[in-house]
Amino acid sequence: MNAKTNEVWRERLASPLTWHYVGFAALLAVVIVLATRFALDWAVTSRRTTDALSEKQVQLKGLELQTAPLRGLDKRIDQTRIDIKDFYAKRIPHSYSEIDVHIGELETKSGVRQTRLNYAQKPPQSNLSEITLDAGITGEYPQIMRFINSLEREKILFVIRGMAFTGQQGGAVNLRLQLSTWLRPADAAASGIPQQQQNNTPAGQEAQPQ
């Protein structure tokens, strides 16, 4: 029996088909090992790639947040320049006489009477020269309030620096009013308005009462 079994095994070992099976099985094992190794390597590589991509996305988001305030900056600068030019054109007078005309118109409309008006100018700063006005007006209280309200709503920029009641006669009230407006330096220099004195008391260019 053993001799017959051995003979069978010898025949099988000698058969090319048997060696084909053996070769196929060995090749299949190699393929499985390689496939497993490839899958493991792919998983590691994929994880590293995902981590690197996530890091890059975080960096990109950070850069977007940093540069967000700069977006459209050129347009905002252009608009600011337009706004400044518009402000100068509408709110800054072109001459001393224009200031005087507006003050006279407000005086007439409100019903107050101007008793004096002194002008002085300060040295230029930030492309403008400040013009100070030291005015004395008299009128009934409602008239004075209309005059002050009109100054605040006036197209030309007037800033009220100080107010003080200096007396009263009958129904009329006397008010000292200190104002500021601005001229371009060249217009201020050509206006003839004197420089403000060192003691900050407005120098005397006095307009005639109207």
N, C-alpha and C. Protein backbone atom coordinates (compact mmCIF):
# COMPACT_ATOMS: atom_id res chain seq x y z
N MET A 1 0.83 -1.21 0.00
CA MET A 1 0.00 0.00 0.00
C MET A 1 0.87 1.25 0.00
N ASN A 2 1.92 1.17 0.81
CA ASN A 2 2.81 2.31 0.87
C ASN A 2 3.54 2.52 -0.45
N ALA A 3 3.89 1.43 -1.09
CA ALA A 3 4.57 1.55 -2.37
C ALA A 3 3.67 2.18 -3.42
N LYS A 4 2.37 1.79 -3.35
CA LYS A 4 1.42 2.36 -4.30
C LYS A 4 1.21 3.84 -4.05
N THR A 5 1.14 4.20 -2.76
CA THR A 5 0.94 5.62 -2.40
C THR A 5 2.15 6.46 -2.83
N ASN A 6 3.31 5.90 -2.59
CA ASN A 6 4.52 6.62 -2.99
C ASN A 6 4.57 6.82 -4.50
N GLU A 7 4.10 5.79 -5.19
CA GLU A 7 4.11 5.87 -6.65
C GLU A 7 3.15 6.96 -7.14
N VAL A 8 2.00 7.02 -6.43
CA VAL A 8 1.02 8.07 -6.81
C VAL A 8 1.62 9.46 -6.60
N TRP A 9 2.28 9.60 -5.46
CA TRP A 9 2.88 10.92 -5.14
C TRP A 9 3.99 11.27 -6.14
N ARG A 10 4.74 10.25 -6.54
CA ARG A 10 5.79 10.51 -7.51
C ARG A 10 5.19 10.96 -8.85
N GLU A 11 4.07 10.29 -9.20
CA GLU A 11 3.43 10.67 -10.47
C GLU A 11 2.89 12.12 -10.41
N ARG A 12 2.31 12.43 -9.23
CA ARG A 12 1.77 13.80 -9.09
C ARG A 12 2.89 14.87 -9.10
N LEU A 13 3.99 14.49 -8.40
CA LEU A 13 5.10 15.43 -8.38
C LEU A 13 5.74 15.59 -9.75
N ALA A 14 5.66 14.53 -10.50
CA ALA A 14 6.24 14.59 -11.84
C ALA A 14 5.31 15.28 -12.83
N SER A 15 4.05 15.46 -12.44
CA SER A 15 3.08 16.05 -13.36
C SER A 15 3.29 17.55 -13.45
N PRO A 16 3.31 18.12 -14.65
CA PRO A 16 3.44 19.59 -14.83
C PRO A 16 2.27 20.35 -14.20
N LEU A 17 1.08 19.75 -14.19
CA LEU A 17 -0.10 20.41 -13.63
C LEU A 17 0.08 20.70 -12.15
N THR A 18 0.69 19.70 -11.45
CA THR A 18 0.92 19.89 -10.02
C THR A 18 1.82 21.08 -9.78
N TRP A 19 2.87 21.19 -10.55
CA TRP A 19 3.79 22.32 -10.36
C TRP A 19 3.16 23.65 -10.76
N HIS A 20 2.23 23.58 -11.70
CA HIS A 20 1.46 24.80 -12.04
C HIS A 20 0.65 25.28 -10.84
N TYR A 21 0.00 24.29 -10.18
CA TYR A 21 -0.79 24.65 -8.98
C TYR A 21 0.09 25.25 -7.89
N VAL A 22 1.26 24.56 -7.70
CA VAL A 22 2.18 25.05 -6.67
C VAL A 22 2.65 26.47 -7.01
N GLY A 23 3.03 26.67 -8.26
CA GLY A 23 3.49 28.00 -8.68
C GLY A 23 2.39 29.07 -8.52
N PHE A 24 1.17 28.67 -8.89
CA PHE A 24 0.06 29.62 -8.78
C PHE A 24 -0.19 30.00 -7.32
N ALA A 25 -0.13 28.95 -6.44
CA ALA A 25 -0.36 29.21 -5.02
C ALA A 25 0.72 30.14 -4.47
N ALA A 26 1.98 29.92 -4.86
CA ALA A 26 3.07 30.78 -4.38
C ALA A 26 2.92 32.20 -4.89
N LEU A 27 2.54 32.28 -6.17
CA LEU A 27 2.35 33.61 -6.75
C LEU A 27 1.20 34.34 -6.09
N LEU A 28 0.13 33.60 -5.78
CA LEU A 28 -1.03 34.20 -5.11
C LEU A 28 -0.65 34.72 -3.73
N ALA A 29 0.19 33.94 -3.02
CA ALA A 29 0.63 34.36 -1.69
C ALA A 29 1.45 35.65 -1.79
N VAL A 30 2.34 35.69 -2.79
CA VAL A 30 3.15 36.89 -2.97
C VAL A 30 2.27 38.10 -3.28
N VAL A 31 1.28 37.87 -4.16
CA VAL A 31 0.36 38.96 -4.52
C VAL A 31 -0.40 39.47 -3.30
N ILE A 32 -0.86 38.51 -2.46
CA ILE A 32 -1.61 38.91 -1.25
C ILE A 32 -0.72 39.72 -0.31
N VAL A 33 0.53 39.28 -0.13
CA VAL A 33 1.46 40.01 0.74
C VAL A 33 1.71 41.41 0.20
N LEU A 34 1.98 41.49 -1.12
CA LEU A 34 2.25 42.78 -1.73
C LEU A 34 1.03 43.71 -1.66
N ALA A 35 -0.15 43.13 -1.89
CA ALA A 35 -1.38 43.92 -1.84
C ALA A 35 -1.62 44.46 -0.44
N THR A 36 -1.36 43.61 0.57
CA THR A 36 -1.52 44.04 1.96
C THR A 36 -0.56 45.17 2.29
N ARG A 37 0.70 44.99 1.86
CA ARG A 37 1.71 46.01 2.10
C ARG A 37 1.35 47.31 1.39
N PHE A 38 0.86 47.20 0.16
CA PHE A 38 0.47 48.38 -0.61
C PHE A 38 -0.68 49.11 0.07
N ALA A 39 -1.65 48.32 0.57
CA ALA A 39 -2.81 48.92 1.24
C ALA A 39 -2.38 49.67 2.49
N LEU A 40 -1.44 49.07 3.26
CA LEU A 40 -0.95 49.73 4.48
C LEU A 40 -0.19 51.01 4.14
N ASP A 41 0.69 50.91 3.12
CA ASP A 41 1.44 52.09 2.71
C ASP A 41 0.51 53.18 2.18
N TRP A 42 -0.48 52.78 1.44
CA TRP A 42 -1.45 53.74 0.89
C TRP A 42 -2.21 54.45 2.01
N ALA A 43 -2.58 53.70 3.03
CA ALA A 43 -3.31 54.30 4.15
C ALA A 43 -2.44 55.34 4.86
N VAL A 44 -1.15 54.99 5.07
CA VAL A 44 -0.24 55.94 5.73
C VAL A 44 -0.05 57.17 4.87
N THR A 45 0.19 56.94 3.57
CA THR A 45 0.40 58.08 2.65
C THR A 45 -0.83 58.95 2.56
N SER A 46 -2.00 58.31 2.49
CA SER A 46 -3.25 59.07 2.41
C SER A 46 -3.48 59.91 3.65
N ARG A 47 -3.16 59.34 4.83
CA ARG A 47 -3.34 60.08 6.08
C ARG A 47 -2.40 61.29 6.12
N ARG A 48 -1.14 61.07 5.68
CA ARG A 48 -0.19 62.18 5.65
C ARG A 48 -0.64 63.26 4.68
N THR A 49 -1.15 62.82 3.52
CA THR A 49 -1.62 63.79 2.53
C THR A 49 -2.80 64.58 3.07
N THR A 50 -3.72 63.88 3.76
CA THR A 50 -4.88 64.55 4.34
C THR A 50 -4.46 65.56 5.40
N ASP A 51 -3.49 65.17 6.23
CA ASP A 51 -3.00 66.07 7.27
C ASP A 51 -2.34 67.30 6.65
N ALA A 52 -1.52 67.04 5.61
CA ALA A 52 -0.84 68.15 4.94
C ALA A 52 -1.84 69.09 4.28
N LEU A 53 -2.88 68.51 3.66
CA LEU A 53 -3.91 69.31 3.01
C LEU A 53 -4.68 70.14 4.02
N SER A 54 -4.98 69.52 5.17
CA SER A 54 -5.70 70.25 6.23
C SER A 54 -4.86 71.42 6.74
N GLU A 55 -3.55 71.17 6.89
CA GLU A 55 -2.66 72.23 7.37
C GLU A 55 -2.61 73.37 6.37
N LYS A 56 -2.53 73.03 5.08
CA LYS A 56 -2.50 74.06 4.05
C LYS A 56 -3.80 74.86 4.04
N GLN A 57 -4.93 74.16 4.24
CA GLN A 57 -6.22 74.85 4.27
C GLN A 57 -6.30 75.82 5.45
N VAL A 58 -5.76 75.40 6.60
CA VAL A 58 -5.73 76.28 7.77
C VAL A 58 -4.87 77.51 7.48
N GLN A 59 -3.70 77.29 6.86
CA GLN A 59 -2.82 78.41 6.53
C GLN A 59 -3.49 79.36 5.54
N LEU A 60 -4.18 78.78 4.55
CA LEU A 60 -4.87 79.60 3.55
C LEU A 60 -5.96 80.43 4.21
N LYS A 61 -6.71 79.81 5.14
CA LYS A 61 -7.78 80.54 5.83
C LYS A 61 -7.19 81.68 6.66
N GLY A 62 -6.05 81.40 7.31
CA GLY A 62 -5.39 82.45 8.08
C GLY A 62 -4.97 83.63 7.21
N LEU A 63 -4.42 83.31 6.03
CA LEU A 63 -4.02 84.37 5.10
C LEU A 63 -5.23 85.16 4.61
N GLU A 64 -6.34 84.48 4.37
CA GLU A 64 -7.56 85.16 3.93
C GLU A 64 -8.04 86.14 5.00
N LEU A 65 -7.99 85.71 6.27
CA LEU A 65 -8.42 86.59 7.36
C LEU A 65 -7.48 87.79 7.50
N GLN A 66 -6.18 87.56 7.29
CA GLN A 66 -5.22 88.65 7.41
C GLN A 66 -5.38 89.67 6.30
N THR A 67 -5.69 89.20 5.10
CA THR A 67 -5.78 90.10 3.96
C THR A 67 -7.18 90.66 3.74
N ALA A 68 -8.15 90.18 4.52
CA ALA A 68 -9.53 90.65 4.34
C ALA A 68 -9.66 92.16 4.45
N PRO A 69 -9.02 92.82 5.46
CA PRO A 69 -9.16 94.29 5.55
C PRO A 69 -8.59 95.04 4.35
N LEU A 70 -7.70 94.40 3.58
CA LEU A 70 -7.06 95.08 2.46
C LEU A 70 -7.86 94.96 1.17
N ARG A 71 -8.88 94.09 1.18
CA ARG A 71 -9.66 93.91 -0.05
C ARG A 71 -10.47 95.17 -0.34
N GLY A 72 -10.40 95.62 -1.55
CA GLY A 72 -11.12 96.83 -1.95
C GLY A 72 -10.53 98.10 -1.39
N LEU A 73 -9.29 98.01 -0.86
CA LEU A 73 -8.67 99.19 -0.25
C LEU A 73 -8.47 100.30 -1.28
N ASP A 74 -8.11 99.93 -2.49
CA ASP A 74 -7.90 100.95 -3.52
C ASP A 74 -9.18 101.72 -3.81
N LYS A 75 -10.32 101.00 -3.81
CA LYS A 75 -11.60 101.67 -4.06
C LYS A 75 -11.96 102.59 -2.90
N ARG A 76 -11.67 102.13 -1.66
CA ARG A 76 -11.99 102.96 -0.49
C ARG A 76 -11.13 104.22 -0.48
N ILE A 77 -9.85 104.08 -0.89
CA ILE A 77 -8.98 105.25 -0.95
C ILE A 77 -9.50 106.25 -1.98
N ASP A 78 -9.90 105.75 -3.14
CA ASP A 78 -10.44 106.63 -4.17
C ASP A 78 -11.70 107.34 -3.67
N GLN A 79 -12.57 106.60 -2.96
CA GLN A 79 -13.80 107.20 -2.45
C GLN A 79 -13.48 108.23 -1.38
N THR A 80 -12.48 107.95 -0.54
CA THR A 80 -12.09 108.92 0.49
C THR A 80 -11.59 110.21 -0.15
N ARG A 81 -10.81 110.07 -1.21
CA ARG A 81 -10.32 111.26 -1.90
C ARG A 81 -11.49 112.07 -2.47
N ILE A 82 -12.48 111.37 -3.01
CA ILE A 82 -13.65 112.06 -3.56
C ILE A 82 -14.40 112.78 -2.44
N ASP A 83 -14.56 112.09 -1.28
CA ASP A 83 -15.27 112.69 -0.15
C ASP A 83 -14.54 113.93 0.37
N ILE A 84 -13.20 113.85 0.46
CA ILE A 84 -12.43 115.00 0.93
C ILE A 84 -12.58 116.18 -0.04
N LYS A 85 -12.49 115.88 -1.32
CA LYS A 85 -12.62 116.94 -2.33
C LYS A 85 -14.00 117.56 -2.25
N ASP A 86 -15.03 116.73 -2.05
CA ASP A 86 -16.40 117.23 -1.94
C ASP A 86 -16.56 118.08 -0.68
N PHE A 87 -15.94 117.64 0.42
CA PHE A 87 -16.01 118.39 1.68
C PHE A 87 -15.38 119.78 1.50
N TYR A 88 -14.19 119.82 0.88
CA TYR A 88 -13.53 121.10 0.66
C TYR A 88 -14.39 122.02 -0.22
N ALA A 89 -15.02 121.44 -1.24
CA ALA A 89 -15.79 122.25 -2.17
C ALA A 89 -17.05 122.83 -1.52
N LYS A 90 -17.68 122.05 -0.62
CA LYS A 90 -18.97 122.46 -0.06
C LYS A 90 -18.86 123.15 1.29
N ARG A 91 -17.89 122.76 2.12
CA ARG A 91 -17.88 123.24 3.50
C ARG A 91 -16.80 124.28 3.79
N ILE A 92 -15.78 124.41 2.94
CA ILE A 92 -14.69 125.36 3.17
C ILE A 92 -14.88 126.56 2.26
N PRO A 93 -15.02 127.76 2.83
CA PRO A 93 -15.20 128.94 1.98
C PRO A 93 -13.95 129.24 1.16
N HIS A 94 -14.14 130.01 0.10
CA HIS A 94 -13.03 130.31 -0.80
C HIS A 94 -12.39 131.66 -0.50
N SER A 95 -13.02 132.47 0.35
CA SER A 95 -12.47 133.79 0.64
C SER A 95 -13.05 134.33 1.93
N TYR A 96 -12.38 135.34 2.45
CA TYR A 96 -12.87 136.03 3.66
C TYR A 96 -14.24 136.65 3.40
N SER A 97 -14.42 137.22 2.22
CA SER A 97 -15.68 137.90 1.92
C SER A 97 -16.86 136.92 1.92
N GLU A 98 -16.60 135.68 1.51
CA GLU A 98 -17.67 134.67 1.52
C GLU A 98 -18.13 134.40 2.96
N ILE A 99 -17.19 134.36 3.90
CA ILE A 99 -17.55 134.19 5.31
C ILE A 99 -18.42 135.35 5.76
N ASP A 100 -17.98 136.56 5.42
CA ASP A 100 -18.69 137.76 5.85
C ASP A 100 -20.10 137.80 5.29
N VAL A 101 -20.25 137.39 4.02
CA VAL A 101 -21.57 137.40 3.39
C VAL A 101 -22.51 136.43 4.09
N HIS A 102 -22.01 135.23 4.42
CA HIS A 102 -22.86 134.24 5.08
C HIS A 102 -23.27 134.70 6.47
N ILE A 103 -22.34 135.29 7.22
CA ILE A 103 -22.68 135.80 8.55
C ILE A 103 -23.77 136.88 8.43
N GLY A 104 -23.64 137.77 7.44
CA GLY A 104 -24.63 138.82 7.23
C GLY A 104 -26.00 138.26 6.88
N GLU A 105 -26.02 137.22 6.04
CA GLU A 105 -27.31 136.61 5.67
C GLU A 105 -27.98 135.98 6.88
N LEU A 106 -27.20 135.28 7.71
CA LEU A 106 -27.78 134.66 8.90
C LEU A 106 -28.28 135.71 9.87
N GLU A 107 -27.57 136.83 9.96
CA GLU A 107 -27.99 137.92 10.83
C GLU A 107 -29.34 138.47 10.39
N THR A 108 -29.49 138.67 9.08
CA THR A 108 -30.73 139.22 8.55
C THR A 108 -31.90 138.26 8.75
N LYS A 109 -31.69 137.00 8.47
CA LYS A 109 -32.77 136.01 8.57
C LYS A 109 -33.23 135.80 10.01
N SER A 110 -32.29 135.84 10.95
CA SER A 110 -32.64 135.57 12.34
C SER A 110 -33.21 136.79 13.05
N GLY A 111 -32.87 137.99 12.56
CA GLY A 111 -33.38 139.21 13.17
C GLY A 111 -32.46 139.81 14.21
N VAL A 112 -31.27 139.23 14.44
CA VAL A 112 -30.35 139.81 15.41
C VAL A 112 -29.61 140.99 14.77
N ARG A 113 -28.91 141.77 15.61
CA ARG A 113 -28.12 142.88 15.12
C ARG A 113 -26.67 142.67 15.54
N GLN A 114 -25.79 142.81 14.60
CA GLN A 114 -24.36 142.62 14.88
C GLN A 114 -23.77 143.92 15.40
N THR A 115 -23.11 143.86 16.57
CA THR A 115 -22.49 145.05 17.14
C THR A 115 -21.00 145.11 16.82
N ARG A 116 -20.36 143.99 16.63
CA ARG A 116 -18.96 143.96 16.23
C ARG A 116 -18.63 142.57 15.71
N LEU A 117 -17.56 142.49 14.91
CA LEU A 117 -17.11 141.21 14.38
C LEU A 117 -15.63 141.31 14.05
N ASN A 118 -14.80 140.66 14.83
CA ASN A 118 -13.35 140.67 14.63
C ASN A 118 -12.89 139.33 14.06
N TYR A 119 -11.98 139.40 13.08
CA TYR A 119 -11.40 138.22 12.47
C TYR A 119 -9.93 138.11 12.84
N ALA A 120 -9.43 136.88 12.93
CA ALA A 120 -8.00 136.61 13.06
C ALA A 120 -7.74 135.23 12.46
N GLN A 121 -6.50 135.01 12.04
CA GLN A 121 -6.16 133.70 11.47
C GLN A 121 -4.98 133.09 12.22
N LYS A 122 -5.02 131.77 12.31
CA LYS A 122 -3.93 131.03 12.94
C LYS A 122 -3.02 130.46 11.86
N PRO A 123 -1.80 130.04 12.22
CA PRO A 123 -0.89 129.46 11.23
C PRO A 123 -1.51 128.22 10.57
N PRO A 124 -1.20 127.97 9.31
CA PRO A 124 -1.80 126.81 8.61
C PRO A 124 -1.43 125.50 9.29
N GLN A 125 -2.39 124.60 9.31
CA GLN A 125 -2.19 123.23 9.80
C GLN A 125 -3.04 122.29 8.97
N SER A 126 -2.44 121.16 8.56
CA SER A 126 -3.18 120.13 7.80
C SER A 126 -3.86 120.72 6.57
N ASN A 127 -3.13 121.56 5.84
CA ASN A 127 -3.62 122.13 4.57
C ASN A 127 -4.76 123.11 4.74
N LEU A 128 -5.03 123.57 5.97
CA LEU A 128 -6.07 124.56 6.22
C LEU A 128 -5.57 125.58 7.24
N SER A 129 -6.11 126.79 7.16
CA SER A 129 -5.82 127.83 8.14
C SER A 129 -7.11 128.12 8.91
N GLU A 130 -7.02 128.05 10.23
CA GLU A 130 -8.20 128.33 11.05
C GLU A 130 -8.43 129.83 11.13
N ILE A 131 -9.67 130.24 10.89
CA ILE A 131 -10.08 131.64 10.99
C ILE A 131 -10.98 131.77 12.22
N THR A 132 -10.60 132.62 13.16
CA THR A 132 -11.41 132.81 14.36
C THR A 132 -12.25 134.07 14.22
N LEU A 133 -13.47 134.02 14.74
CA LEU A 133 -14.39 135.15 14.70
C LEU A 133 -14.81 135.45 16.13
N ASP A 134 -14.69 136.71 16.52
CA ASP A 134 -15.14 137.17 17.84
C ASP A 134 -16.24 138.18 17.58
N ALA A 135 -17.49 137.76 17.82
CA ALA A 135 -18.64 138.57 17.42
C ALA A 135 -19.44 139.01 18.62
N GLY A 136 -20.04 140.18 18.50
CA GLY A 136 -21.02 140.66 19.47
C GLY A 136 -22.36 140.83 18.76
N ILE A 137 -23.40 140.20 19.27
CA ILE A 137 -24.73 140.33 18.66
C ILE A 137 -25.74 140.67 19.74
N THR A 138 -26.79 141.31 19.32
CA THR A 138 -27.86 141.67 20.24
C THR A 138 -29.20 141.37 19.58
N GLY A 139 -30.16 141.00 20.39
CA GLY A 139 -31.48 140.67 19.90
C GLY A 139 -32.28 139.98 20.98
N GLU A 140 -33.53 139.73 20.69
CA GLU A 140 -34.34 138.98 21.63
C GLU A 140 -33.87 137.54 21.68
N TYR A 141 -34.17 136.88 22.79
CA TYR A 141 -33.65 135.52 22.99
C TYR A 141 -34.02 134.57 21.85
N PRO A 142 -35.28 134.54 21.37
CA PRO A 142 -35.61 133.64 20.24
C PRO A 142 -34.81 133.96 18.99
N GLN A 143 -34.55 135.26 18.76
CA GLN A 143 -33.76 135.64 17.58
C GLN A 143 -32.33 135.13 17.69
N ILE A 144 -31.75 135.25 18.88
CA ILE A 144 -30.39 134.77 19.09
C ILE A 144 -30.31 133.26 18.91
N MET A 145 -31.31 132.54 19.42
CA MET A 145 -31.31 131.08 19.26
C MET A 145 -31.44 130.69 17.80
N ARG A 146 -32.25 131.45 17.01
CA ARG A 146 -32.36 131.17 15.58
C ARG A 146 -31.01 131.38 14.90
N PHE A 147 -30.32 132.44 15.31
CA PHE A 147 -29.01 132.73 14.71
C PHE A 147 -28.02 131.60 15.00
N ILE A 148 -27.98 131.14 16.24
CA ILE A 148 -27.06 130.06 16.62
C ILE A 148 -27.42 128.76 15.91
N ASN A 149 -28.70 128.42 15.85
CA ASN A 149 -29.12 127.21 15.15
C ASN A 149 -28.79 127.27 13.67
N SER A 150 -28.92 128.47 13.09
CA SER A 150 -28.60 128.63 11.67
C SER A 150 -27.10 128.45 11.43
N LEU A 151 -26.27 128.91 12.37
CA LEU A 151 -24.83 128.69 12.25
C LEU A 151 -24.50 127.21 12.22
N GLU A 152 -25.15 126.45 13.10
CA GLU A 152 -24.86 125.01 13.17
C GLU A 152 -25.32 124.27 11.93
N ARG A 153 -26.36 124.78 11.25
CA ARG A 153 -26.86 124.12 10.04
C ARG A 153 -26.28 124.71 8.76
N GLU A 154 -25.47 125.74 8.88
CA GLU A 154 -24.92 126.43 7.71
C GLU A 154 -24.05 125.50 6.88
N LYS A 155 -24.12 125.68 5.56
CA LYS A 155 -23.32 124.85 4.65
C LYS A 155 -21.84 125.03 4.92
N ILE A 156 -21.41 126.27 5.09
CA ILE A 156 -20.01 126.54 5.46
C ILE A 156 -19.78 126.01 6.87
N LEU A 157 -18.62 125.44 7.09
CA LEU A 157 -18.31 124.86 8.39
C LEU A 157 -18.00 125.94 9.41
N PHE A 158 -18.88 126.06 10.41
CA PHE A 158 -18.66 126.94 11.56
C PHE A 158 -18.65 126.09 12.82
N VAL A 159 -17.66 126.31 13.68
CA VAL A 159 -17.59 125.62 14.96
C VAL A 159 -17.68 126.68 16.06
N ILE A 160 -18.67 126.52 16.94
CA ILE A 160 -18.85 127.46 18.05
C ILE A 160 -17.86 127.11 19.14
N ARG A 161 -16.97 128.07 19.47
CA ARG A 161 -15.94 127.86 20.49
C ARG A 161 -16.38 128.34 21.86
N GLY A 162 -17.24 129.34 21.90
CA GLY A 162 -17.67 129.85 23.20
C GLY A 162 -18.81 130.84 23.05
N MET A 163 -19.64 130.93 24.08
CA MET A 163 -20.75 131.89 24.12
C MET A 163 -20.83 132.46 25.53
N ALA A 164 -21.18 133.76 25.62
CA ALA A 164 -21.32 134.38 26.93
C ALA A 164 -22.29 135.55 26.81
N PHE A 165 -23.30 135.58 27.68
CA PHE A 165 -24.22 136.72 27.73
C PHE A 165 -23.53 137.86 28.46
N THR A 166 -23.54 139.02 27.83
CA THR A 166 -22.81 140.17 28.40
C THR A 166 -23.74 141.26 28.92
N GLY A 167 -25.02 141.11 28.80
CA GLY A 167 -25.93 142.13 29.32
C GLY A 167 -27.30 142.00 28.70
N GLN A 168 -28.24 142.79 29.23
CA GLN A 168 -29.62 142.76 28.76
C GLN A 168 -30.22 144.14 28.94
N GLN A 169 -30.92 144.60 27.91
CA GLN A 169 -31.62 145.88 27.97
C GLN A 169 -33.04 145.67 27.48
N GLY A 170 -33.99 145.78 28.41
CA GLY A 170 -35.37 145.52 28.04
C GLY A 170 -35.52 144.07 27.62
N GLY A 171 -36.02 143.83 26.41
CA GLY A 171 -36.17 142.47 25.91
C GLY A 171 -34.99 142.00 25.10
N ALA A 172 -33.99 142.87 24.89
CA ALA A 172 -32.83 142.53 24.07
C ALA A 172 -31.72 141.94 24.94
N VAL A 173 -31.05 140.94 24.39
CA VAL A 173 -29.96 140.27 25.08
C VAL A 173 -28.68 140.49 24.27
N ASN A 174 -27.59 140.77 24.97
CA ASN A 174 -26.28 140.91 24.32
C ASN A 174 -25.49 139.62 24.49
N LEU A 175 -24.92 139.13 23.39
CA LEU A 175 -24.20 137.86 23.41
C LEU A 175 -22.84 138.03 22.75
N ARG A 176 -21.81 137.54 23.42
CA ARG A 176 -20.49 137.44 22.79
C ARG A 176 -20.33 136.02 22.28
N LEU A 177 -19.98 135.89 21.02
CA LEU A 177 -19.93 134.59 20.36
C LEU A 177 -18.56 134.42 19.71
N GLN A 178 -17.88 133.32 20.03
CA GLN A 178 -16.57 133.02 19.44
C GLN A 178 -16.72 131.80 18.53
N LEU A 179 -16.30 131.96 17.27
CA LEU A 179 -16.48 130.93 16.25
C LEU A 179 -15.15 130.63 15.58
N SER A 180 -15.13 129.50 14.89
CA SER A 180 -14.00 129.15 14.02
C SER A 180 -14.56 128.64 12.69
N THR A 181 -13.89 129.03 11.64
CA THR A 181 -14.09 128.41 10.33
C THR A 181 -12.70 128.26 9.72
N TRP A 182 -12.61 127.81 8.47
CA TRP A 182 -11.30 127.52 7.89
C TRP A 182 -11.23 128.00 6.45
N LEU A 183 -10.04 128.41 6.06
CA LEU A 183 -9.73 128.76 4.68
C LEU A 183 -8.52 127.96 4.23
N ARG A 184 -8.41 127.77 2.93
CA ARG A 184 -7.17 127.21 2.40
C ARG A 184 -6.04 128.21 2.66
N PRO A 185 -4.82 127.74 2.93
CA PRO A 185 -3.73 128.65 3.28
C PRO A 185 -3.53 129.80 2.30
N ALA A 186 -3.62 129.51 1.00
CA ALA A 186 -3.43 130.57 0.00
C ALA A 186 -4.54 131.61 0.10
N ASP A 187 -5.78 131.16 0.32
CA ASP A 187 -6.90 132.09 0.46
C ASP A 187 -6.78 132.89 1.74
N ALA A 188 -6.31 132.23 2.82
CA ALA A 188 -6.13 132.94 4.09
C ALA A 188 -5.05 134.01 3.96
N ALA A 189 -3.96 133.67 3.27
CA ALA A 189 -2.87 134.63 3.11
C ALA A 189 -3.31 135.84 2.28
N ALA A 190 -4.19 135.61 1.31
CA ALA A 190 -4.65 136.70 0.44
C ALA A 190 -5.80 137.49 1.06
N SER A 191 -6.34 137.03 2.17
CA SER A 191 -7.52 137.67 2.75
C SER A 191 -7.20 138.98 3.46
N GLY A 192 -5.96 139.14 3.94
CA GLY A 192 -5.62 140.32 4.72
C GLY A 192 -6.03 140.21 6.17
N ILE A 193 -6.57 139.09 6.59
CA ILE A 193 -6.94 138.89 8.00
C ILE A 193 -5.68 138.81 8.83
N PRO A 194 -5.56 139.58 9.91
CA PRO A 194 -4.33 139.57 10.70
C PRO A 194 -4.12 138.26 11.43
N GLN A 195 -2.87 137.97 11.74
CA GLN A 195 -2.54 136.78 12.53
C GLN A 195 -3.03 136.96 13.95
N GLN A 196 -3.44 135.86 14.55
CA GLN A 196 -3.91 135.92 15.93
C GLN A 196 -2.76 136.26 16.86
N GLN A 197 -3.02 137.11 17.82
CA GLN A 197 -1.98 137.54 18.75
C GLN A 197 -1.60 136.40 19.68
N GLN A 198 -0.42 136.50 20.29
CA GLN A 198 0.12 135.44 21.13
C GLN A 198 -0.72 135.16 22.36
N ASN A 199 -1.45 136.18 22.85
CA ASN A 199 -2.28 135.97 24.03
C ASN A 199 -3.64 135.38 23.72
N ASN A 200 -3.79 134.93 22.40
CA ASN A 200 -5.02 134.28 21.94
C ASN A 200 -6.22 135.20 21.93
N THR A 201 -5.99 136.53 22.09
CA THR A 201 -7.08 137.48 21.92
C THR A 201 -7.17 137.82 20.45
N PRO A 202 -8.32 137.65 19.81
CA PRO A 202 -8.40 137.90 18.37
C PRO A 202 -7.94 139.29 18.02
N ALA A 203 -7.13 139.38 16.98
CA ALA A 203 -6.64 140.67 16.52
C ALA A 203 -7.75 141.41 15.81
N GLY A 204 -7.51 142.71 15.58
CA GLY A 204 -8.64 143.53 15.21
C GLY A 204 -8.80 143.84 13.75
N GLN A 205 -9.40 142.92 12.99
CA GLN A 205 -9.98 143.34 11.72
C GLN A 205 -11.47 143.34 11.98
N GLU A 206 -12.05 144.50 12.05
CA GLU A 206 -13.43 144.61 12.50
C GLU A 206 -14.31 144.94 11.33
N ALA A 207 -15.38 144.14 11.17
CA ALA A 207 -16.33 144.39 10.10
C ALA A 207 -17.31 145.46 10.55
N GLN A 208 -17.79 146.24 9.62
CA GLN A 208 -18.77 147.26 9.94
C GLN A 208 -20.10 146.62 10.27
N PRO A 209 -20.79 147.09 11.33
CA PRO A 209 -22.12 146.55 11.64
C PRO A 209 -23.04 146.70 10.45
N GLN A 210 -23.90 145.67 10.27
CA GLN A 210 -24.78 145.68 9.10
C GLN A 210 -26.19 146.02 9.53
